[in-house]
Amino acid sequence: MAKEKLEDIERMTVINRLAVRLTKDELLAKSRTLMLVEREIDRTEVRKKEFMSETKEELETLDFSRGKLLDEIESESEQRDIDCTLEKDYLAFTVRTIRNDTGDTVGVRPMGDHERQRSLPTPEPPSEEASGKDASAEPV
């Protein structure tokens, strides 16, 4: 075997990450740190669930609004409260619903039994001329 010369070997110090056995104090400190990290993870998970629940509700509301808008754009119309007139036809026993703003008939249906019964006309009070009193005469 050849004898090595000092100038044939070069040495330098480097740092390598290697396993080192922990002392009991180091293990205890790391265990305490782990406990704190576990608690923080639990708290964060709770906040995450609360956030997800709130976000889910917001997304459902927005999704409903989006669907409603898409329907209105597609149909080029929206539902509004419109004054209508119900027209009872006692000859055909039907009830028509007529829009007051356009005059269009929006529905025709058969009369119900309770609708077929007409109310009796109320008599008007007799006029002063019919009672024989002079309207220009002053009371005594």
N, C-alpha and C. Protein backbone atom coordinates (compact mmCIF):
# COMPACT_ATOMS: atom_id res chain seq x y z
N MET A 1 0.82 -1.16 0.00
CA MET A 1 0.00 0.00 0.00
C MET A 1 0.88 1.24 0.00
N ALA A 2 0.45 2.20 -0.80
CA ALA A 2 1.27 3.40 -0.93
C ALA A 2 1.02 4.32 0.25
N LYS A 3 2.03 4.97 0.64
CA LYS A 3 1.92 5.89 1.76
C LYS A 3 1.35 7.20 1.24
N GLU A 4 0.34 7.70 1.95
CA GLU A 4 -0.29 8.95 1.54
C GLU A 4 0.52 10.12 2.05
N LYS A 5 0.57 11.09 1.22
CA LYS A 5 1.24 12.32 1.62
C LYS A 5 0.17 13.31 2.08
N LEU A 6 0.49 14.20 2.96
CA LEU A 6 -0.44 15.18 3.50
C LEU A 6 -0.99 16.06 2.40
N GLU A 7 -0.19 16.37 1.39
CA GLU A 7 -0.69 17.21 0.32
C GLU A 7 -1.61 16.45 -0.63
N ASP A 8 -1.66 15.14 -0.56
CA ASP A 8 -2.56 14.36 -1.40
C ASP A 8 -3.98 14.31 -0.83
N ILE A 9 -4.16 14.68 0.39
CA ILE A 9 -5.49 14.65 1.04
C ILE A 9 -5.87 16.07 1.41
N GLU A 10 -7.05 16.43 0.94
CA GLU A 10 -7.57 17.77 1.27
C GLU A 10 -8.78 17.58 2.15
N ARG A 11 -8.88 18.31 3.21
CA ARG A 11 -10.00 18.23 4.13
C ARG A 11 -10.66 19.58 4.26
N MET A 12 -12.03 19.50 4.39
CA MET A 12 -12.80 20.73 4.65
C MET A 12 -13.99 20.35 5.51
N THR A 13 -14.50 21.30 6.23
CA THR A 13 -15.65 21.07 7.11
C THR A 13 -16.92 21.42 6.34
N VAL A 14 -17.89 20.50 6.40
CA VAL A 14 -19.20 20.72 5.78
C VAL A 14 -20.28 20.37 6.80
N ILE A 15 -21.48 20.83 6.52
CA ILE A 15 -22.60 20.52 7.42
C ILE A 15 -23.56 19.59 6.69
N ASN A 16 -23.84 18.47 7.32
CA ASN A 16 -24.82 17.51 6.81
C ASN A 16 -25.93 17.34 7.85
N ARG A 17 -27.13 17.15 7.37
CA ARG A 17 -28.25 16.90 8.28
C ARG A 17 -28.29 15.41 8.58
N LEU A 18 -28.04 15.09 9.86
CA LEU A 18 -27.97 13.69 10.29
C LEU A 18 -28.80 13.50 11.55
N ALA A 19 -29.26 12.32 11.81
CA ALA A 19 -30.05 12.01 13.00
C ALA A 19 -29.18 12.12 14.25
N VAL A 20 -29.75 12.75 15.29
CA VAL A 20 -29.07 12.89 16.57
C VAL A 20 -30.07 12.47 17.64
N ARG A 21 -29.68 11.65 18.56
CA ARG A 21 -30.54 11.17 19.63
C ARG A 21 -30.90 12.34 20.53
N LEU A 22 -32.23 12.51 20.82
CA LEU A 22 -32.71 13.60 21.67
C LEU A 22 -32.56 13.24 23.14
N THR A 23 -32.31 14.28 23.95
CA THR A 23 -32.26 14.07 25.39
C THR A 23 -33.67 14.05 25.93
N LYS A 24 -33.84 13.65 27.20
CA LYS A 24 -35.17 13.62 27.82
C LYS A 24 -35.77 15.02 27.88
N ASP A 25 -35.00 16.03 28.17
CA ASP A 25 -35.50 17.42 28.22
C ASP A 25 -35.95 17.88 26.82
N GLU A 26 -35.18 17.53 25.80
CA GLU A 26 -35.56 17.90 24.43
C GLU A 26 -36.85 17.20 24.03
N LEU A 27 -36.99 15.92 24.39
CA LEU A 27 -38.23 15.18 24.09
C LEU A 27 -39.43 15.81 24.79
N LEU A 28 -39.26 16.21 26.06
CA LEU A 28 -40.34 16.85 26.81
C LEU A 28 -40.73 18.18 26.18
N ALA A 29 -39.78 18.98 25.77
CA ALA A 29 -40.04 20.28 25.14
C ALA A 29 -40.77 20.09 23.81
N LYS A 30 -40.34 19.11 23.02
CA LYS A 30 -41.00 18.84 21.75
C LYS A 30 -42.42 18.32 21.95
N SER A 31 -42.65 17.55 23.00
CA SER A 31 -43.99 17.05 23.31
C SER A 31 -44.93 18.20 23.66
N ARG A 32 -44.43 19.16 24.43
CA ARG A 32 -45.24 20.34 24.78
C ARG A 32 -45.55 21.16 23.53
N THR A 33 -44.58 21.33 22.68
CA THR A 33 -44.78 22.07 21.44
C THR A 33 -45.81 21.36 20.57
N LEU A 34 -45.72 20.04 20.50
CA LEU A 34 -46.69 19.25 19.73
C LEU A 34 -48.10 19.47 20.28
N MET A 35 -48.27 19.48 21.59
CA MET A 35 -49.56 19.70 22.20
C MET A 35 -50.13 21.07 21.79
N LEU A 36 -49.31 22.09 21.80
CA LEU A 36 -49.76 23.43 21.39
C LEU A 36 -50.14 23.46 19.92
N VAL A 37 -49.37 22.80 19.09
CA VAL A 37 -49.67 22.74 17.65
C VAL A 37 -50.99 22.01 17.43
N GLU A 38 -51.20 20.91 18.14
CA GLU A 38 -52.45 20.15 18.01
C GLU A 38 -53.65 21.01 18.40
N ARG A 39 -53.53 21.77 19.47
CA ARG A 39 -54.63 22.67 19.88
C ARG A 39 -54.91 23.71 18.80
N GLU A 40 -53.86 24.27 18.25
CA GLU A 40 -54.05 25.29 17.21
C GLU A 40 -54.68 24.68 15.96
N ILE A 41 -54.29 23.46 15.63
CA ILE A 41 -54.93 22.78 14.50
C ILE A 41 -56.42 22.60 14.76
N ASP A 42 -56.79 22.17 15.96
CA ASP A 42 -58.21 22.00 16.31
C ASP A 42 -58.97 23.32 16.19
N ARG A 43 -58.39 24.38 16.72
CA ARG A 43 -59.05 25.70 16.63
C ARG A 43 -59.21 26.14 15.17
N THR A 44 -58.18 25.91 14.39
CA THR A 44 -58.24 26.29 12.98
C THR A 44 -59.28 25.46 12.23
N GLU A 45 -59.40 24.18 12.56
CA GLU A 45 -60.42 23.33 11.93
C GLU A 45 -61.82 23.84 12.26
N VAL A 46 -62.04 24.28 13.49
CA VAL A 46 -63.35 24.82 13.89
C VAL A 46 -63.64 26.09 13.09
N ARG A 47 -62.66 26.98 13.00
CA ARG A 47 -62.86 28.21 12.22
C ARG A 47 -63.12 27.90 10.76
N LYS A 48 -62.43 26.88 10.24
CA LYS A 48 -62.61 26.47 8.84
C LYS A 48 -64.04 25.99 8.62
N LYS A 49 -64.56 25.16 9.53
CA LYS A 49 -65.93 24.65 9.40
C LYS A 49 -66.94 25.79 9.45
N GLU A 50 -66.74 26.74 10.37
CA GLU A 50 -67.64 27.89 10.46
C GLU A 50 -67.60 28.70 9.17
N PHE A 51 -66.40 28.94 8.67
CA PHE A 51 -66.25 29.69 7.44
C PHE A 51 -66.91 28.97 6.26
N MET A 52 -66.69 27.66 6.19
CA MET A 52 -67.28 26.87 5.09
C MET A 52 -68.80 26.91 5.15
N SER A 53 -69.35 26.86 6.36
CA SER A 53 -70.80 26.90 6.52
C SER A 53 -71.35 28.25 6.05
N GLU A 54 -70.71 29.33 6.49
CA GLU A 54 -71.14 30.67 6.06
C GLU A 54 -70.99 30.84 4.56
N THR A 55 -69.88 30.38 4.03
CA THR A 55 -69.62 30.50 2.61
C THR A 55 -70.64 29.69 1.81
N LYS A 56 -70.99 28.50 2.30
CA LYS A 56 -71.97 27.66 1.62
C LYS A 56 -73.30 28.39 1.50
N GLU A 57 -73.75 29.02 2.60
CA GLU A 57 -75.01 29.77 2.57
C GLU A 57 -74.94 30.92 1.57
N GLU A 58 -73.82 31.64 1.56
CA GLU A 58 -73.66 32.75 0.62
C GLU A 58 -73.70 32.24 -0.82
N LEU A 59 -73.00 31.13 -1.07
CA LEU A 59 -72.98 30.58 -2.42
C LEU A 59 -74.36 30.09 -2.85
N GLU A 60 -75.13 29.51 -1.94
CA GLU A 60 -76.48 29.07 -2.27
C GLU A 60 -77.35 30.26 -2.66
N THR A 61 -77.24 31.36 -1.90
CA THR A 61 -78.00 32.57 -2.20
C THR A 61 -77.60 33.13 -3.57
N LEU A 62 -76.30 33.20 -3.81
CA LEU A 62 -75.82 33.71 -5.10
C LEU A 62 -76.23 32.79 -6.24
N ASP A 63 -76.19 31.49 -6.02
CA ASP A 63 -76.58 30.53 -7.05
C ASP A 63 -78.05 30.67 -7.40
N PHE A 64 -78.90 30.89 -6.37
CA PHE A 64 -80.33 31.10 -6.62
C PHE A 64 -80.54 32.37 -7.44
N SER A 65 -79.84 33.44 -7.08
CA SER A 65 -79.96 34.71 -7.83
C SER A 65 -79.51 34.53 -9.27
N ARG A 66 -78.41 33.81 -9.47
CA ARG A 66 -77.92 33.56 -10.82
C ARG A 66 -78.95 32.80 -11.64
N GLY A 67 -79.53 31.75 -11.06
CA GLY A 67 -80.54 30.96 -11.77
C GLY A 67 -81.76 31.79 -12.14
N LYS A 68 -82.20 32.64 -11.21
CA LYS A 68 -83.35 33.50 -11.47
C LYS A 68 -83.05 34.47 -12.61
N LEU A 69 -81.87 35.07 -12.57
CA LEU A 69 -81.49 36.01 -13.62
C LEU A 69 -81.37 35.31 -14.98
N LEU A 70 -80.78 34.11 -14.99
CA LEU A 70 -80.68 33.36 -16.24
C LEU A 70 -82.06 33.06 -16.82
N ASP A 71 -83.00 32.66 -15.96
CA ASP A 71 -84.37 32.38 -16.42
C ASP A 71 -85.02 33.63 -16.99
N GLU A 72 -84.84 34.77 -16.31
CA GLU A 72 -85.45 36.02 -16.78
C GLU A 72 -84.84 36.48 -18.10
N ILE A 73 -83.54 36.31 -18.24
CA ILE A 73 -82.89 36.70 -19.50
C ILE A 73 -83.33 35.78 -20.62
N GLU A 74 -83.39 34.47 -20.34
CA GLU A 74 -83.78 33.51 -21.37
C GLU A 74 -85.23 33.73 -21.81
N SER A 75 -86.12 33.98 -20.84
CA SER A 75 -87.54 34.16 -21.19
C SER A 75 -87.85 35.61 -21.57
N GLU A 76 -86.88 36.50 -21.35
CA GLU A 76 -87.07 37.93 -21.61
C GLU A 76 -88.27 38.48 -20.85
N SER A 77 -88.49 37.95 -19.63
CA SER A 77 -89.60 38.42 -18.80
C SER A 77 -89.29 38.11 -17.34
N GLU A 78 -90.07 38.73 -16.45
CA GLU A 78 -89.96 38.44 -15.03
C GLU A 78 -91.34 38.51 -14.41
N GLN A 79 -91.50 37.90 -13.27
CA GLN A 79 -92.77 37.89 -12.57
C GLN A 79 -92.93 39.20 -11.79
N ARG A 80 -94.07 39.87 -11.99
CA ARG A 80 -94.40 41.10 -11.26
C ARG A 80 -95.85 41.05 -10.85
N ASP A 81 -96.20 41.81 -9.81
CA ASP A 81 -97.59 41.93 -9.41
C ASP A 81 -98.29 42.91 -10.35
N ILE A 82 -99.33 42.44 -11.02
CA ILE A 82 -100.07 43.24 -12.00
C ILE A 82 -101.54 43.25 -11.60
N ASP A 83 -102.16 44.44 -11.65
CA ASP A 83 -103.60 44.53 -11.39
C ASP A 83 -104.36 43.83 -12.50
N CYS A 84 -105.31 42.99 -12.11
CA CYS A 84 -106.11 42.23 -13.07
C CYS A 84 -107.59 42.33 -12.69
N THR A 85 -108.44 42.07 -13.65
CA THR A 85 -109.89 42.05 -13.43
C THR A 85 -110.38 40.62 -13.63
N LEU A 86 -111.22 40.15 -12.69
CA LEU A 86 -111.88 38.87 -12.86
C LEU A 86 -113.23 39.13 -13.52
N GLU A 87 -113.48 38.48 -14.63
CA GLU A 87 -114.73 38.66 -15.38
C GLU A 87 -115.50 37.35 -15.32
N LYS A 88 -116.66 37.41 -14.63
CA LYS A 88 -117.50 36.21 -14.49
C LYS A 88 -118.52 36.17 -15.61
N ASP A 89 -118.51 35.08 -16.37
CA ASP A 89 -119.45 34.88 -17.47
C ASP A 89 -120.47 33.86 -16.98
N TYR A 90 -121.69 34.38 -16.65
CA TYR A 90 -122.71 33.50 -16.09
C TYR A 90 -123.41 32.66 -17.16
N LEU A 91 -123.18 32.95 -18.42
CA LEU A 91 -123.75 32.11 -19.49
C LEU A 91 -122.85 30.90 -19.73
N ALA A 92 -121.51 31.12 -19.75
CA ALA A 92 -120.57 30.01 -19.99
C ALA A 92 -120.07 29.41 -18.68
N PHE A 93 -120.44 30.01 -17.56
CA PHE A 93 -119.98 29.60 -16.23
C PHE A 93 -118.45 29.51 -16.17
N THR A 94 -117.80 30.58 -16.64
CA THR A 94 -116.34 30.67 -16.59
C THR A 94 -115.92 31.98 -15.94
N VAL A 95 -114.69 32.01 -15.47
CA VAL A 95 -114.10 33.23 -14.91
C VAL A 95 -112.84 33.50 -15.71
N ARG A 96 -112.77 34.68 -16.31
CA ARG A 96 -111.59 35.10 -17.06
C ARG A 96 -110.79 36.07 -16.22
N THR A 97 -109.47 35.94 -16.29
CA THR A 97 -108.58 36.90 -15.64
C THR A 97 -107.97 37.75 -16.75
N ILE A 98 -108.16 39.08 -16.63
CA ILE A 98 -107.73 40.01 -17.67
C ILE A 98 -106.75 41.01 -17.07
N ARG A 99 -105.60 41.18 -17.72
CA ARG A 99 -104.62 42.17 -17.27
C ARG A 99 -105.17 43.56 -17.50
N ASN A 100 -105.11 44.41 -16.48
CA ASN A 100 -105.59 45.78 -16.63
C ASN A 100 -104.65 46.63 -17.48
N ASP A 101 -103.36 46.32 -17.49
CA ASP A 101 -102.41 47.16 -18.22
C ASP A 101 -102.43 46.89 -19.72
N THR A 102 -102.71 45.65 -20.15
CA THR A 102 -102.68 45.34 -21.57
C THR A 102 -104.03 44.89 -22.12
N GLY A 103 -104.93 44.50 -21.22
CA GLY A 103 -106.23 43.99 -21.67
C GLY A 103 -106.17 42.54 -22.12
N ASP A 104 -105.02 41.89 -22.01
CA ASP A 104 -104.87 40.50 -22.42
C ASP A 104 -105.51 39.57 -21.40
N THR A 105 -106.12 38.50 -21.91
CA THR A 105 -106.65 37.46 -21.05
C THR A 105 -105.50 36.55 -20.66
N VAL A 106 -105.29 36.38 -19.36
CA VAL A 106 -104.18 35.56 -18.89
C VAL A 106 -104.64 34.22 -18.34
N GLY A 107 -105.95 34.04 -18.23
CA GLY A 107 -106.45 32.76 -17.75
C GLY A 107 -107.96 32.68 -17.82
N VAL A 108 -108.45 31.47 -18.09
CA VAL A 108 -109.89 31.19 -18.08
C VAL A 108 -110.05 29.89 -17.32
N ARG A 109 -111.00 29.89 -16.38
CA ARG A 109 -111.25 28.68 -15.61
C ARG A 109 -112.75 28.54 -15.38
N PRO A 110 -113.19 27.32 -15.08
CA PRO A 110 -114.61 27.14 -14.79
C PRO A 110 -114.97 27.79 -13.47
N MET A 111 -116.19 28.25 -13.36
CA MET A 111 -116.67 28.83 -12.11
C MET A 111 -116.82 27.72 -11.07
N GLY A 112 -116.49 28.04 -9.85
CA GLY A 112 -116.76 27.13 -8.75
C GLY A 112 -118.23 27.23 -8.38
N ASP A 113 -118.72 26.25 -7.66
CA ASP A 113 -120.14 26.26 -7.26
C ASP A 113 -120.50 27.53 -6.51
N HIS A 114 -119.63 27.98 -5.63
CA HIS A 114 -119.92 29.18 -4.85
C HIS A 114 -119.95 30.44 -5.73
N GLU A 115 -119.27 30.42 -6.87
CA GLU A 115 -119.25 31.59 -7.75
C GLU A 115 -120.49 31.65 -8.64
N ARG A 116 -121.16 30.55 -8.83
CA ARG A 116 -122.35 30.53 -9.70
C ARG A 116 -123.53 31.25 -9.05
N GLN A 117 -123.50 31.37 -7.75
CA GLN A 117 -124.58 32.03 -7.02
C GLN A 117 -124.38 33.54 -7.11
N ARG A 118 -125.31 34.20 -7.76
CA ARG A 118 -125.23 35.67 -7.87
C ARG A 118 -125.80 36.30 -6.62
N SER A 119 -125.27 37.45 -6.30
CA SER A 119 -125.83 38.18 -5.16
C SER A 119 -127.04 38.96 -5.65
N LEU A 120 -128.00 39.11 -4.76
CA LEU A 120 -129.22 39.84 -5.10
C LEU A 120 -128.93 41.33 -5.13
N PRO A 121 -129.55 42.03 -6.08
CA PRO A 121 -129.33 43.49 -6.12
C PRO A 121 -129.98 44.14 -4.90
N THR A 122 -129.30 45.13 -4.36
CA THR A 122 -129.86 45.85 -3.21
C THR A 122 -130.68 47.01 -3.74
N PRO A 123 -131.89 47.17 -3.20
CA PRO A 123 -132.75 48.27 -3.69
C PRO A 123 -132.18 49.62 -3.29
N GLU A 124 -132.37 50.60 -4.20
CA GLU A 124 -131.89 51.94 -3.90
C GLU A 124 -132.95 52.64 -3.05
N PRO A 125 -132.53 53.52 -2.16
CA PRO A 125 -133.52 54.25 -1.35
C PRO A 125 -134.37 55.14 -2.26
N PRO A 126 -135.63 55.31 -1.92
CA PRO A 126 -136.52 56.13 -2.77
C PRO A 126 -136.02 57.57 -2.83
N SER A 127 -136.13 58.16 -4.01
CA SER A 127 -135.72 59.56 -4.16
C SER A 127 -136.79 60.45 -3.56
N GLU A 128 -136.44 61.71 -3.34
CA GLU A 128 -137.38 62.66 -2.72
C GLU A 128 -138.54 62.95 -3.66
N GLU A 129 -138.29 62.89 -4.97
CA GLU A 129 -139.36 63.14 -5.93
C GLU A 129 -140.40 62.03 -5.85
N ALA A 130 -139.94 60.79 -5.67
CA ALA A 130 -140.87 59.66 -5.61
C ALA A 130 -141.68 59.69 -4.32
N SER A 131 -141.16 60.30 -3.28
CA SER A 131 -141.91 60.32 -2.01
C SER A 131 -142.91 61.47 -1.97
N GLY A 132 -142.88 62.32 -2.98
CA GLY A 132 -143.85 63.41 -3.06
C GLY A 132 -143.42 64.65 -2.34
N LYS A 133 -142.24 64.74 -1.82
CA LYS A 133 -141.76 65.93 -1.15
C LYS A 133 -141.12 66.86 -2.15
N ASP A 134 -141.26 68.13 -1.91
CA ASP A 134 -140.64 69.14 -2.74
C ASP A 134 -139.23 69.38 -2.23
N ALA A 135 -138.27 69.17 -3.06
CA ALA A 135 -136.87 69.30 -2.64
C ALA A 135 -136.53 70.73 -2.32
N SER A 136 -137.27 71.73 -2.89
CA SER A 136 -136.93 73.12 -2.65
C SER A 136 -137.61 73.66 -1.40
N ALA A 137 -138.58 72.93 -0.86
CA ALA A 137 -139.30 73.40 0.32
C ALA A 137 -138.41 73.29 1.54
N GLU A 138 -138.54 74.29 2.41
CA GLU A 138 -137.75 74.31 3.63
C GLU A 138 -138.49 73.54 4.72
N PRO A 139 -137.78 72.87 5.57
CA PRO A 139 -138.45 72.17 6.65
C PRO A 139 -139.06 73.15 7.63
N VAL A 140 -140.09 72.78 8.27
CA VAL A 140 -140.80 73.66 9.20
C VAL A 140 -140.37 73.49 10.60
